[in-house]
Amino acid sequence: MSLEKCVEYGWLRREPTSPAEIRDLLGIVERSLADSKVDAVSTDLRFIAAFNAALCAATTSLRASGHRTVTQAGHHIKTIESLQPTVNANSKAYSEIQGCL
């Protein structure tokens, strides 16, 4: 589904971004990926860190497109679904991430 359709349905809204915001989000992705590799913490917490990195990467691509999710139930799913129109992710990629929600 296109981002514009998601705006029409009220799932996303248009909102300008900035290079600083994108840089900060990418920093969160990098930090979460590093945290996911720390053997001293539980597997559960490492999974949470890895998932946070994936979600934040999807958020980054959505924000770079000039959109933001509307805060409502299911907004994480809309963020993952936005990977298809923002980075042309195939359906298998976001289906696998979505399966973790």
C-alpha atoms as a PDB file:
ATOM      1  CA  MET A   1       0.000   0.000   0.000  1.00  0.00           C
ATOM      2  CA  SER A   2       1.301   3.482  -0.785  1.00  0.00           C
ATOM      3  CA  LEU A   3       2.246   5.965   1.903  1.00  0.00           C
ATOM      4  CA  GLU A   4      -0.380   8.357   0.555  1.00  0.00           C
ATOM      5  CA  LYS A   5      -3.103   5.724   1.044  1.00  0.00           C
ATOM      6  CA  CYS A   6      -1.887   5.250   4.616  1.00  0.00           C
ATOM      7  CA  VAL A   7      -2.188   9.014   5.133  1.00  0.00           C
ATOM      8  CA  GLU A   8      -5.728   8.915   3.710  1.00  0.00           C
ATOM      9  CA  TYR A   9      -6.655   6.088   6.112  1.00  0.00           C
ATOM     10  CA  GLY A  10      -5.215   8.043   9.039  1.00  0.00           C
ATOM     11  CA  TRP A  11      -2.419   5.570   9.825  1.00  0.00           C
ATOM     12  CA  LEU A  12       0.375   7.976   8.867  1.00  0.00           C
ATOM     13  CA  ARG A  13       0.764  11.725   8.774  1.00  0.00           C
ATOM     14  CA  ARG A  14       3.130  13.879   6.772  1.00  0.00           C
ATOM     15  CA  GLU A  15       5.811  15.502   8.894  1.00  0.00           C
ATOM     16  CA  PRO A  16       9.111  17.011   7.768  1.00  0.00           C
ATOM     17  CA  THR A  17      12.317  15.540   9.127  1.00  0.00           C
ATOM     18  CA  SER A  18      15.869  16.789   9.457  1.00  0.00           C
ATOM     19  CA  PRO A  19      19.337  15.375   8.937  1.00  0.00           C
ATOM     20  CA  ALA A  20      19.834  15.523  12.719  1.00  0.00           C
ATOM     21  CA  GLU A  21      16.744  13.379  13.349  1.00  0.00           C
ATOM     22  CA  ILE A  22      17.857  10.780  10.802  1.00  0.00           C
ATOM     23  CA  ARG A  23      21.375  10.752  12.282  1.00  0.00           C
ATOM     24  CA  ASP A  24      19.957  10.263  15.795  1.00  0.00           C
ATOM     25  CA  LEU A  25      17.709   7.413  14.650  1.00  0.00           C
ATOM     26  CA  LEU A  26      20.610   5.693  12.897  1.00  0.00           C
ATOM     27  CA  GLY A  27      22.565   6.040  16.136  1.00  0.00           C
ATOM     28  CA  ILE A  28      19.822   4.152  17.946  1.00  0.00           C
ATOM     29  CA  VAL A  29      19.953   1.424  15.283  1.00  0.00           C
ATOM     30  CA  GLU A  30      23.722   1.064  15.708  1.00  0.00           C
ATOM     31  CA  ARG A  31      23.520   1.047  19.515  1.00  0.00           C
ATOM     32  CA  SER A  32      20.706  -1.512  19.528  1.00  0.00           C
ATOM     33  CA  LEU A  33      22.614  -3.773  17.141  1.00  0.00           C
ATOM     34  CA  ALA A  34      25.682  -3.543  19.381  1.00  0.00           C
ATOM     35  CA  ASP A  35      23.533  -4.357  22.429  1.00  0.00           C
ATOM     36  CA  SER A  36      22.101  -7.387  20.629  1.00  0.00           C
ATOM     37  CA  LYS A  37      25.600  -8.874  20.426  1.00  0.00           C
ATOM     38  CA  VAL A  38      26.431  -8.680  24.135  1.00  0.00           C
ATOM     39  CA  ASP A  39      26.794 -12.260  25.337  1.00  0.00           C
ATOM     40  CA  ALA A  40      26.587 -11.235  28.999  1.00  0.00           C
ATOM     41  CA  VAL A  41      22.843 -10.545  28.761  1.00  0.00           C
ATOM     42  CA  SER A  42      20.023 -13.009  28.232  1.00  0.00           C
ATOM     43  CA  THR A  43      18.957 -14.204  24.826  1.00  0.00           C
ATOM     44  CA  ASP A  44      15.584 -12.548  25.412  1.00  0.00           C
ATOM     45  CA  LEU A  45      17.140  -9.135  25.951  1.00  0.00           C
ATOM     46  CA  ARG A  46      19.420  -9.596  22.955  1.00  0.00           C
ATOM     47  CA  PHE A  47      16.366 -10.386  20.831  1.00  0.00           C
ATOM     48  CA  ILE A  48      14.597  -7.271  22.121  1.00  0.00           C
ATOM     49  CA  ALA A  49      17.637  -5.158  21.196  1.00  0.00           C
ATOM     50  CA  ALA A  50      17.777  -6.694  17.705  1.00  0.00           C
ATOM     51  CA  PHE A  51      14.064  -6.143  17.190  1.00  0.00           C
ATOM     52  CA  ASN A  52      14.411  -2.554  18.399  1.00  0.00           C
ATOM     53  CA  ALA A  53      17.153  -2.045  15.800  1.00  0.00           C
ATOM     54  CA  ALA A  54      14.884  -3.377  13.035  1.00  0.00           C
ATOM     55  CA  LEU A  55      11.931  -1.256  14.150  1.00  0.00           C
ATOM     56  CA  CYS A  56      14.096   1.834  14.428  1.00  0.00           C
ATOM     57  CA  ALA A  57      15.550   1.199  10.959  1.00  0.00           C
ATOM     58  CA  ALA A  58      11.995   1.042   9.585  1.00  0.00           C
ATOM     59  CA  THR A  59      11.148   4.229  11.481  1.00  0.00           C
ATOM     60  CA  THR A  60      14.211   5.884   9.963  1.00  0.00           C
ATOM     61  CA  SER A  61      13.123   5.066   6.423  1.00  0.00           C
ATOM     62  CA  LEU A  62       9.594   6.274   7.175  1.00  0.00           C
ATOM     63  CA  ARG A  63      10.863   9.521   8.669  1.00  0.00           C
ATOM     64  CA  ALA A  64      13.274  10.017   5.758  1.00  0.00           C
ATOM     65  CA  SER A  65      10.234   9.848   3.464  1.00  0.00           C
ATOM     66  CA  GLY A  66       8.628  12.695   5.418  1.00  0.00           C
ATOM     67  CA  HIS A  67       6.033  10.603   7.257  1.00  0.00           C
ATOM     68  CA  ARG A  68       5.338   9.483  10.802  1.00  0.00           C
ATOM     69  CA  THR A  69       2.944   6.934  12.246  1.00  0.00           C
ATOM     70  CA  VAL A  70      -0.087   8.191  14.100  1.00  0.00           C
ATOM     71  CA  THR A  71      -0.005   7.083  17.715  1.00  0.00           C
ATOM     72  CA  GLN A  72      -2.640   4.387  17.930  1.00  0.00           C
ATOM     73  CA  ALA A  73      -2.896   0.672  18.496  1.00  0.00           C
ATOM     74  CA  GLY A  74      -0.890  -1.110  15.835  1.00  0.00           C
ATOM     75  CA  HIS A  75       1.437   1.752  14.944  1.00  0.00           C
ATOM     76  CA  HIS A  76       4.444  -0.584  15.137  1.00  0.00           C
ATOM     77  CA  ILE A  77       2.847  -2.772  12.477  1.00  0.00           C
ATOM     78  CA  LYS A  78       2.293   0.251  10.233  1.00  0.00           C
ATOM     79  CA  THR A  79       5.965   1.146  10.673  1.00  0.00           C
ATOM     80  CA  ILE A  80       7.041  -2.325   9.548  1.00  0.00           C
ATOM     81  CA  GLU A  81       4.557  -2.289   6.673  1.00  0.00           C
ATOM     82  CA  SER A  82       6.021   1.017   5.509  1.00  0.00           C
ATOM     83  CA  LEU A  83       9.223  -0.811   4.528  1.00  0.00           C
ATOM     84  CA  GLN A  84       7.631  -1.902   1.261  1.00  0.00           C
ATOM     85  CA  PRO A  85       6.964   1.599  -0.122  1.00  0.00           C
ATOM     86  CA  THR A  86       9.941   3.323   1.528  1.00  0.00           C
ATOM     87  CA  VAL A  87      12.773   0.912   0.697  1.00  0.00           C
ATOM     88  CA  ASN A  88      10.971  -1.456  -1.666  1.00  0.00           C
ATOM     89  CA  ALA A  89      11.347  -4.338   0.792  1.00  0.00           C
ATOM     90  CA  ASN A  90       9.815  -7.551  -0.409  1.00  0.00           C
ATOM     91  CA  SER A  91       6.808  -8.876   1.464  1.00  0.00           C
ATOM     92  CA  LYS A  92       8.812 -11.731   2.991  1.00  0.00           C
ATOM     93  CA  ALA A  93      11.183  -9.302   4.728  1.00  0.00           C
ATOM     94  CA  TYR A  94       8.525  -7.338   6.539  1.00  0.00           C
ATOM     95  CA  SER A  95       6.362 -10.395   7.146  1.00  0.00           C
ATOM     96  CA  GLU A  96       9.202 -11.988   9.093  1.00  0.00           C
ATOM     97  CA  ILE A  97       9.683  -8.858  11.199  1.00  0.00           C
ATOM     98  CA  GLN A  98       5.939  -8.444  11.623  1.00  0.00           C
ATOM     99  CA  GLY A  99       5.749 -12.009  12.915  1.00  0.00           C
ATOM    100  CA  CYS A 100       7.781 -10.851  15.910  1.00  0.00           C
ATOM    101  CA  LEU A 101       5.230  -8.211  16.933  1.00  0.00           C
END
